[in-house]
Amino acid sequence: MTNILIVEDNAVLRGLLREWLSTEHPECRVLEAASGEEALQRACAVPISLAVLDIGLPGMSGIDAARVLISRHPGLRIVILSIHEEERYQQEAGAAGVHAYVPKRKLQEQLLPAVREQLAAIKIEAPKAERKRSSEGEQGAVS
């Protein structure tokens, strides 16, 4: 099962996002965290395929959390949500390894397409990773 982690400090918005994504993607399990630190803990406890992170979190920012999550879980896909639409925030997110950047003002139009795109990328990458692991196992086998 594909796990999506929503990281948003506003409990009402976090709940709405969980319901929305759960409805749109019933094949996925949608988990929640209220901070970057909580996101790191959740990702260690449960394998996460996609994280939707608010940029403005208490303590660790969404971009800082994304950097750590990507370094610990290289296949993880990240979508950033932000009230900031300035190019410098998008560039910083891109430099951190974020896969998509959605302004909160455009949440209704852009979030679902961004999530769909990342889920599609996960489905494409999973067989490649499985084939690589399989061929590495065959090469390491002793006859």
N, C-alpha and C. Protein backbone atom coordinates (compact mmCIF):
# COMPACT_ATOMS: atom_id res chain seq x y z
N MET A 1 0.85 -1.19 0.00
CA MET A 1 0.00 0.00 0.00
C MET A 1 0.89 1.24 0.00
N THR A 2 0.46 2.24 -0.74
CA THR A 2 1.17 3.50 -0.81
C THR A 2 0.72 4.38 0.35
N ASN A 3 1.68 4.89 1.11
CA ASN A 3 1.39 5.79 2.22
C ASN A 3 1.73 7.22 1.85
N ILE A 4 0.77 8.11 2.09
CA ILE A 4 0.96 9.55 1.88
C ILE A 4 0.96 10.21 3.25
N LEU A 5 1.93 11.06 3.50
CA LEU A 5 2.01 11.79 4.76
C LEU A 5 1.72 13.26 4.52
N ILE A 6 0.72 13.79 5.19
CA ILE A 6 0.40 15.21 5.14
C ILE A 6 1.03 15.86 6.36
N VAL A 7 1.83 16.89 6.14
CA VAL A 7 2.50 17.60 7.23
C VAL A 7 2.02 19.05 7.19
N GLU A 8 1.13 19.38 8.10
CA GLU A 8 0.49 20.70 8.13
C GLU A 8 0.18 21.02 9.58
N ASP A 9 0.57 22.22 10.05
CA ASP A 9 0.35 22.57 11.45
C ASP A 9 -1.08 23.01 11.74
N ASN A 10 -1.83 23.43 10.72
CA ASN A 10 -3.22 23.81 10.91
C ASN A 10 -4.07 22.54 10.90
N ALA A 11 -4.61 22.18 12.06
CA ALA A 11 -5.34 20.92 12.21
C ALA A 11 -6.55 20.82 11.29
N VAL A 12 -7.27 21.93 11.09
CA VAL A 12 -8.45 21.90 10.23
C VAL A 12 -8.04 21.63 8.79
N LEU A 13 -7.05 22.37 8.30
CA LEU A 13 -6.59 22.15 6.93
C LEU A 13 -6.01 20.75 6.76
N ARG A 14 -5.25 20.30 7.74
CA ARG A 14 -4.67 18.95 7.70
C ARG A 14 -5.76 17.90 7.57
N GLY A 15 -6.83 18.04 8.34
CA GLY A 15 -7.94 17.10 8.27
C GLY A 15 -8.66 17.14 6.93
N LEU A 16 -8.85 18.35 6.40
CA LEU A 16 -9.49 18.49 5.08
C LEU A 16 -8.63 17.86 3.99
N LEU A 17 -7.32 18.08 4.06
CA LEU A 17 -6.42 17.49 3.08
C LEU A 17 -6.45 15.97 3.17
N ARG A 18 -6.47 15.45 4.40
CA ARG A 18 -6.53 13.99 4.58
C ARG A 18 -7.79 13.42 3.96
N GLU A 19 -8.93 14.05 4.23
CA GLU A 19 -10.20 13.57 3.67
C GLU A 19 -10.19 13.65 2.14
N TRP A 20 -9.70 14.76 1.61
CA TRP A 20 -9.67 14.99 0.17
C TRP A 20 -8.80 13.95 -0.53
N LEU A 21 -7.58 13.77 -0.02
CA LEU A 21 -6.68 12.81 -0.64
C LEU A 21 -7.15 11.37 -0.45
N SER A 22 -7.74 11.07 0.70
CA SER A 22 -8.28 9.73 0.94
C SER A 22 -9.41 9.42 -0.03
N THR A 23 -10.25 10.41 -0.31
CA THR A 23 -11.36 10.23 -1.24
C THR A 23 -10.86 10.07 -2.67
N GLU A 24 -9.90 10.90 -3.06
CA GLU A 24 -9.37 10.87 -4.42
C GLU A 24 -8.47 9.67 -4.68
N HIS A 25 -7.82 9.18 -3.63
CA HIS A 25 -6.88 8.06 -3.77
C HIS A 25 -7.17 7.00 -2.71
N PRO A 26 -8.30 6.28 -2.86
CA PRO A 26 -8.66 5.27 -1.84
C PRO A 26 -7.66 4.12 -1.75
N GLU A 27 -6.82 3.96 -2.78
CA GLU A 27 -5.80 2.91 -2.76
C GLU A 27 -4.62 3.27 -1.85
N CYS A 28 -4.60 4.51 -1.37
CA CYS A 28 -3.51 4.99 -0.52
C CYS A 28 -3.99 5.16 0.92
N ARG A 29 -3.05 5.02 1.83
CA ARG A 29 -3.32 5.34 3.23
C ARG A 29 -2.73 6.73 3.48
N VAL A 30 -3.55 7.62 4.04
CA VAL A 30 -3.12 8.99 4.28
C VAL A 30 -2.89 9.19 5.78
N LEU A 31 -1.67 9.56 6.11
CA LEU A 31 -1.26 9.78 7.50
C LEU A 31 -1.04 11.26 7.72
N GLU A 32 -0.94 11.66 8.98
CA GLU A 32 -0.80 13.08 9.31
C GLU A 32 0.32 13.33 10.29
N ALA A 33 0.89 14.54 10.18
CA ALA A 33 1.86 15.05 11.16
C ALA A 33 1.66 16.57 11.23
N ALA A 34 1.92 17.13 12.42
CA ALA A 34 1.71 18.57 12.63
C ALA A 34 2.99 19.38 12.58
N SER A 35 4.14 18.71 12.45
CA SER A 35 5.43 19.43 12.43
C SER A 35 6.44 18.62 11.64
N GLY A 36 7.55 19.27 11.30
CA GLY A 36 8.62 18.58 10.60
C GLY A 36 9.21 17.46 11.45
N GLU A 37 9.37 17.73 12.73
CA GLU A 37 9.92 16.71 13.63
C GLU A 37 9.01 15.49 13.71
N GLU A 38 7.71 15.74 13.80
CA GLU A 38 6.75 14.62 13.83
C GLU A 38 6.78 13.86 12.50
N ALA A 39 6.96 14.57 11.39
CA ALA A 39 7.05 13.92 10.08
C ALA A 39 8.24 12.97 10.04
N LEU A 40 9.38 13.39 10.58
CA LEU A 40 10.57 12.54 10.60
C LEU A 40 10.31 11.27 11.40
N GLN A 41 9.63 11.43 12.53
CA GLN A 41 9.29 10.26 13.36
C GLN A 41 8.35 9.31 12.62
N ARG A 42 7.32 9.86 11.98
CA ARG A 42 6.34 9.03 11.26
C ARG A 42 7.02 8.27 10.12
N ALA A 43 7.92 8.96 9.40
CA ALA A 43 8.59 8.33 8.26
C ALA A 43 9.54 7.22 8.71
N CYS A 44 10.03 7.29 9.94
CA CYS A 44 10.87 6.21 10.46
C CYS A 44 10.03 5.01 10.90
N ALA A 45 8.81 5.29 11.34
CA ALA A 45 7.93 4.23 11.85
C ALA A 45 7.16 3.51 10.74
N VAL A 46 6.82 4.23 9.67
CA VAL A 46 5.99 3.69 8.59
C VAL A 46 6.62 4.10 7.27
N PRO A 47 6.75 3.19 6.31
CA PRO A 47 7.32 3.59 5.02
C PRO A 47 6.38 4.56 4.29
N ILE A 48 6.91 5.72 3.96
CA ILE A 48 6.14 6.78 3.29
C ILE A 48 6.61 6.86 1.83
N SER A 49 5.67 6.94 0.92
CA SER A 49 6.00 7.08 -0.50
C SER A 49 5.94 8.52 -0.97
N LEU A 50 5.01 9.30 -0.38
CA LEU A 50 4.79 10.68 -0.78
C LEU A 50 4.49 11.51 0.46
N ALA A 51 5.14 12.66 0.56
CA ALA A 51 4.87 13.59 1.66
C ALA A 51 4.41 14.92 1.07
N VAL A 52 3.33 15.45 1.63
CA VAL A 52 2.83 16.77 1.26
C VAL A 52 3.13 17.66 2.46
N LEU A 53 4.09 18.57 2.30
CA LEU A 53 4.59 19.37 3.42
C LEU A 53 4.24 20.84 3.28
N ASP A 54 3.70 21.42 4.34
CA ASP A 54 3.55 22.87 4.41
C ASP A 54 4.95 23.44 4.57
N ILE A 55 5.21 24.56 3.92
CA ILE A 55 6.55 25.17 4.02
C ILE A 55 6.74 25.84 5.39
N GLY A 56 5.67 26.41 5.94
CA GLY A 56 5.76 27.16 7.19
C GLY A 56 5.30 26.35 8.38
N LEU A 57 6.17 25.53 8.89
CA LEU A 57 5.85 24.69 10.05
C LEU A 57 6.54 25.25 11.28
N PRO A 58 5.98 24.97 12.46
CA PRO A 58 6.67 25.40 13.68
C PRO A 58 7.97 24.60 13.85
N GLY A 59 9.01 25.26 14.32
CA GLY A 59 10.30 24.57 14.47
C GLY A 59 10.95 24.42 13.12
N MET A 60 11.13 23.20 12.69
CA MET A 60 11.77 22.88 11.41
C MET A 60 10.83 23.24 10.26
N SER A 61 11.33 23.99 9.28
CA SER A 61 10.50 24.37 8.12
C SER A 61 10.21 23.15 7.26
N GLY A 62 9.23 23.28 6.39
CA GLY A 62 8.92 22.20 5.47
C GLY A 62 10.08 21.88 4.54
N ILE A 63 10.82 22.89 4.12
CA ILE A 63 11.97 22.65 3.24
C ILE A 63 13.08 21.91 4.00
N ASP A 64 13.33 22.31 5.25
CA ASP A 64 14.34 21.60 6.05
C ASP A 64 13.91 20.15 6.30
N ALA A 65 12.63 19.96 6.59
CA ALA A 65 12.11 18.60 6.80
C ALA A 65 12.25 17.79 5.51
N ALA A 66 11.98 18.42 4.37
CA ALA A 66 12.11 17.73 3.08
C ALA A 66 13.55 17.27 2.86
N ARG A 67 14.51 18.14 3.16
CA ARG A 67 15.94 17.77 3.00
C ARG A 67 16.27 16.52 3.82
N VAL A 68 15.84 16.52 5.07
CA VAL A 68 16.16 15.39 5.94
C VAL A 68 15.43 14.14 5.47
N LEU A 69 14.15 14.27 5.15
CA LEU A 69 13.38 13.11 4.68
C LEU A 69 14.00 12.50 3.43
N ILE A 70 14.37 13.33 2.48
CA ILE A 70 14.96 12.83 1.23
C ILE A 70 16.31 12.17 1.49
N SER A 71 17.10 12.74 2.40
CA SER A 71 18.41 12.13 2.69
C SER A 71 18.25 10.77 3.38
N ARG A 72 17.23 10.63 4.20
CA ARG A 72 16.99 9.36 4.91
C ARG A 72 16.21 8.35 4.07
N HIS A 73 15.38 8.84 3.18
CA HIS A 73 14.49 7.98 2.38
C HIS A 73 14.58 8.44 0.92
N PRO A 74 15.63 8.05 0.20
CA PRO A 74 15.91 8.59 -1.14
C PRO A 74 14.78 8.45 -2.16
N GLY A 75 13.93 7.47 -2.08
CA GLY A 75 12.84 7.31 -3.05
C GLY A 75 11.60 8.13 -2.74
N LEU A 76 11.60 8.80 -1.61
CA LEU A 76 10.43 9.56 -1.17
C LEU A 76 10.16 10.74 -2.11
N ARG A 77 8.92 10.91 -2.49
CA ARG A 77 8.50 12.04 -3.32
C ARG A 77 7.93 13.12 -2.41
N ILE A 78 8.23 14.39 -2.70
CA ILE A 78 7.81 15.50 -1.84
C ILE A 78 7.06 16.55 -2.66
N VAL A 79 5.90 16.97 -2.12
CA VAL A 79 5.15 18.12 -2.64
C VAL A 79 5.12 19.15 -1.53
N ILE A 80 5.53 20.38 -1.84
CA ILE A 80 5.50 21.48 -0.87
C ILE A 80 4.24 22.31 -1.10
N LEU A 81 3.56 22.66 0.00
CA LEU A 81 2.46 23.62 -0.02
C LEU A 81 2.98 24.90 0.62
N SER A 82 2.63 26.05 0.03
CA SER A 82 3.16 27.30 0.58
C SER A 82 2.26 28.49 0.31
N ILE A 83 2.25 29.41 1.26
CA ILE A 83 1.58 30.69 1.01
C ILE A 83 2.50 31.59 0.20
N HIS A 84 3.78 31.24 0.12
CA HIS A 84 4.77 32.04 -0.60
C HIS A 84 4.80 31.64 -2.07
N GLU A 85 4.63 32.63 -2.94
CA GLU A 85 4.67 32.36 -4.37
C GLU A 85 5.93 32.92 -5.03
N GLU A 86 6.80 33.53 -4.24
CA GLU A 86 8.02 34.11 -4.79
C GLU A 86 8.94 33.00 -5.30
N GLU A 87 9.63 33.31 -6.39
CA GLU A 87 10.52 32.37 -7.05
C GLU A 87 11.60 31.83 -6.11
N ARG A 88 12.08 32.67 -5.19
CA ARG A 88 13.18 32.21 -4.32
C ARG A 88 12.78 31.03 -3.45
N TYR A 89 11.52 30.97 -3.02
CA TYR A 89 11.06 29.83 -2.22
C TYR A 89 10.99 28.57 -3.09
N GLN A 90 10.53 28.72 -4.32
CA GLN A 90 10.46 27.59 -5.23
C GLN A 90 11.86 27.07 -5.56
N GLN A 91 12.81 27.99 -5.73
CA GLN A 91 14.19 27.60 -6.01
C GLN A 91 14.79 26.87 -4.81
N GLU A 92 14.53 27.38 -3.61
CA GLU A 92 15.05 26.73 -2.40
C GLU A 92 14.46 25.32 -2.26
N ALA A 93 13.18 25.19 -2.53
CA ALA A 93 12.54 23.88 -2.47
C ALA A 93 13.14 22.93 -3.51
N GLY A 94 13.34 23.43 -4.72
CA GLY A 94 13.94 22.61 -5.77
C GLY A 94 15.35 22.17 -5.40
N ALA A 95 16.12 23.07 -4.81
CA ALA A 95 17.48 22.74 -4.38
C ALA A 95 17.49 21.69 -3.28
N ALA A 96 16.42 21.64 -2.50
CA ALA A 96 16.30 20.65 -1.43
C ALA A 96 15.88 19.27 -1.95
N GLY A 97 15.48 19.22 -3.23
CA GLY A 97 15.07 17.94 -3.82
C GLY A 97 13.58 17.75 -3.91
N VAL A 98 12.80 18.79 -3.63
CA VAL A 98 11.35 18.73 -3.68
C VAL A 98 10.90 18.50 -5.12
N HIS A 99 9.87 17.70 -5.30
CA HIS A 99 9.40 17.32 -6.63
C HIS A 99 8.31 18.24 -7.19
N ALA A 100 7.54 18.89 -6.33
CA ALA A 100 6.48 19.79 -6.79
C ALA A 100 6.25 20.86 -5.74
N TYR A 101 5.83 22.03 -6.21
CA TYR A 101 5.60 23.19 -5.34
C TYR A 101 4.22 23.73 -5.68
N VAL A 102 3.31 23.74 -4.69
CA VAL A 102 1.94 24.19 -4.91
C VAL A 102 1.64 25.38 -4.00
N PRO A 103 1.36 26.55 -4.58
CA PRO A 103 0.93 27.68 -3.76
C PRO A 103 -0.44 27.39 -3.14
N LYS A 104 -0.60 27.72 -1.88
CA LYS A 104 -1.88 27.45 -1.21
C LYS A 104 -3.04 28.18 -1.90
N ARG A 105 -2.75 29.31 -2.50
CA ARG A 105 -3.79 30.05 -3.20
C ARG A 105 -4.35 29.24 -4.37
N LYS A 106 -3.53 28.33 -4.90
CA LYS A 106 -3.93 27.50 -6.04
C LYS A 106 -4.12 26.04 -5.65
N LEU A 107 -4.32 25.80 -4.37
CA LEU A 107 -4.44 24.45 -3.83
C LEU A 107 -5.49 23.62 -4.56
N GLN A 108 -6.68 24.18 -4.75
CA GLN A 108 -7.77 23.41 -5.36
C GLN A 108 -7.48 23.02 -6.80
N GLU A 109 -6.75 23.85 -7.52
CA GLU A 109 -6.45 23.54 -8.92
C GLU A 109 -5.20 22.68 -9.09
N GLN A 110 -4.22 22.86 -8.22
CA GLN A 110 -2.91 22.27 -8.47
C GLN A 110 -2.51 21.08 -7.59
N LEU A 111 -3.13 20.94 -6.42
CA LEU A 111 -2.66 19.86 -5.53
C LEU A 111 -2.94 18.48 -6.10
N LEU A 112 -4.17 18.20 -6.50
CA LEU A 112 -4.47 16.85 -7.00
C LEU A 112 -3.63 16.47 -8.23
N PRO A 113 -3.46 17.37 -9.21
CA PRO A 113 -2.58 17.00 -10.32
C PRO A 113 -1.14 16.74 -9.87
N ALA A 114 -0.64 17.52 -8.92
CA ALA A 114 0.72 17.31 -8.41
C ALA A 114 0.83 15.96 -7.71
N VAL A 115 -0.16 15.63 -6.90
CA VAL A 115 -0.15 14.34 -6.20
C VAL A 115 -0.26 13.20 -7.20
N ARG A 116 -1.16 13.31 -8.18
CA ARG A 116 -1.30 12.27 -9.21
C ARG A 116 0.03 12.04 -9.95
N GLU A 117 0.70 13.12 -10.29
CA GLU A 117 1.97 13.03 -11.01
C GLU A 117 3.02 12.31 -10.16
N GLN A 118 3.08 12.63 -8.88
CA GLN A 118 4.07 11.99 -8.01
C GLN A 118 3.73 10.51 -7.77
N LEU A 119 2.45 10.20 -7.62
CA LEU A 119 2.05 8.79 -7.45
C LEU A 119 2.37 7.99 -8.71
N ALA A 120 2.17 8.60 -9.88
CA ALA A 120 2.53 7.92 -11.13
C ALA A 120 4.03 7.67 -11.20
N ALA A 121 4.83 8.63 -10.77
CA ALA A 121 6.28 8.47 -10.76
C ALA A 121 6.70 7.35 -9.81
N ILE A 122 6.01 7.24 -8.69
CA ILE A 122 6.31 6.17 -7.73
C ILE A 122 6.04 4.81 -8.37
N LYS A 123 4.92 4.70 -9.09
CA LYS A 123 4.57 3.42 -9.73
C LYS A 123 5.57 3.05 -10.81
N ILE A 124 6.12 4.04 -11.50
CA ILE A 124 7.12 3.79 -12.54
C ILE A 124 8.45 3.39 -11.91
N GLU A 125 8.83 4.06 -10.82
CA GLU A 125 10.12 3.80 -10.18
C GLU A 125 10.15 2.49 -9.40
N ALA A 126 9.03 2.06 -8.84
CA ALA A 126 9.00 0.85 -8.02
C ALA A 126 9.46 -0.39 -8.79
N PRO A 127 8.94 -0.65 -10.00
CA PRO A 127 9.43 -1.83 -10.73
C PRO A 127 10.91 -1.74 -11.08
N LYS A 128 11.39 -0.53 -11.39
CA LYS A 128 12.81 -0.36 -11.69
C LYS A 128 13.67 -0.73 -10.48
N ALA A 129 13.26 -0.26 -9.30
CA ALA A 129 14.00 -0.56 -8.08
C ALA A 129 13.96 -2.05 -7.78
N GLU A 130 12.81 -2.68 -8.01
CA GLU A 130 12.67 -4.12 -7.77
C GLU A 130 13.57 -4.92 -8.72
N ARG A 131 13.60 -4.52 -10.00
CA ARG A 131 14.47 -5.20 -10.96
C ARG A 131 15.93 -5.04 -10.57
N LYS A 132 16.31 -3.85 -10.11
CA LYS A 132 17.70 -3.60 -9.71
C LYS A 132 18.07 -4.48 -8.51
N ARG A 133 17.18 -4.54 -7.51
CA ARG A 133 17.45 -5.39 -6.34
C ARG A 133 17.57 -6.85 -6.76
N SER A 134 16.70 -7.28 -7.66
CA SER A 134 16.70 -8.66 -8.13
C SER A 134 18.00 -8.98 -8.87
N SER A 135 18.45 -8.10 -9.76
CA SER A 135 19.68 -8.36 -10.51
C SER A 135 20.90 -8.29 -9.59
N GLU A 136 20.88 -7.46 -8.59
CA GLU A 136 22.00 -7.41 -7.64
C GLU A 136 22.06 -8.70 -6.85
N GLY A 137 20.91 -9.25 -6.50
CA GLY A 137 20.87 -10.52 -5.79
C GLY A 137 21.39 -11.66 -6.63
N GLU A 138 21.04 -11.65 -7.94
CA GLU A 138 21.53 -12.68 -8.84
C GLU A 138 23.02 -12.60 -9.04
N GLN A 139 23.56 -11.38 -9.12
CA GLN A 139 25.01 -11.21 -9.31
C GLN A 139 25.78 -11.65 -8.08
N GLY A 140 25.17 -11.49 -6.92
CA GLY A 140 25.85 -11.86 -5.69
C GLY A 140 25.74 -13.34 -5.36
N ALA A 141 24.91 -14.08 -6.12
CA ALA A 141 24.70 -15.49 -5.84
C ALA A 141 25.95 -16.29 -6.22
N VAL A 142 26.28 -17.28 -5.40
CA VAL A 142 27.42 -18.14 -5.66
C VAL A 142 26.89 -19.44 -6.24
N SER A 143 27.49 -19.93 -7.37
CA SER A 143 27.01 -21.19 -7.95
C SER A 143 27.79 -22.37 -7.46
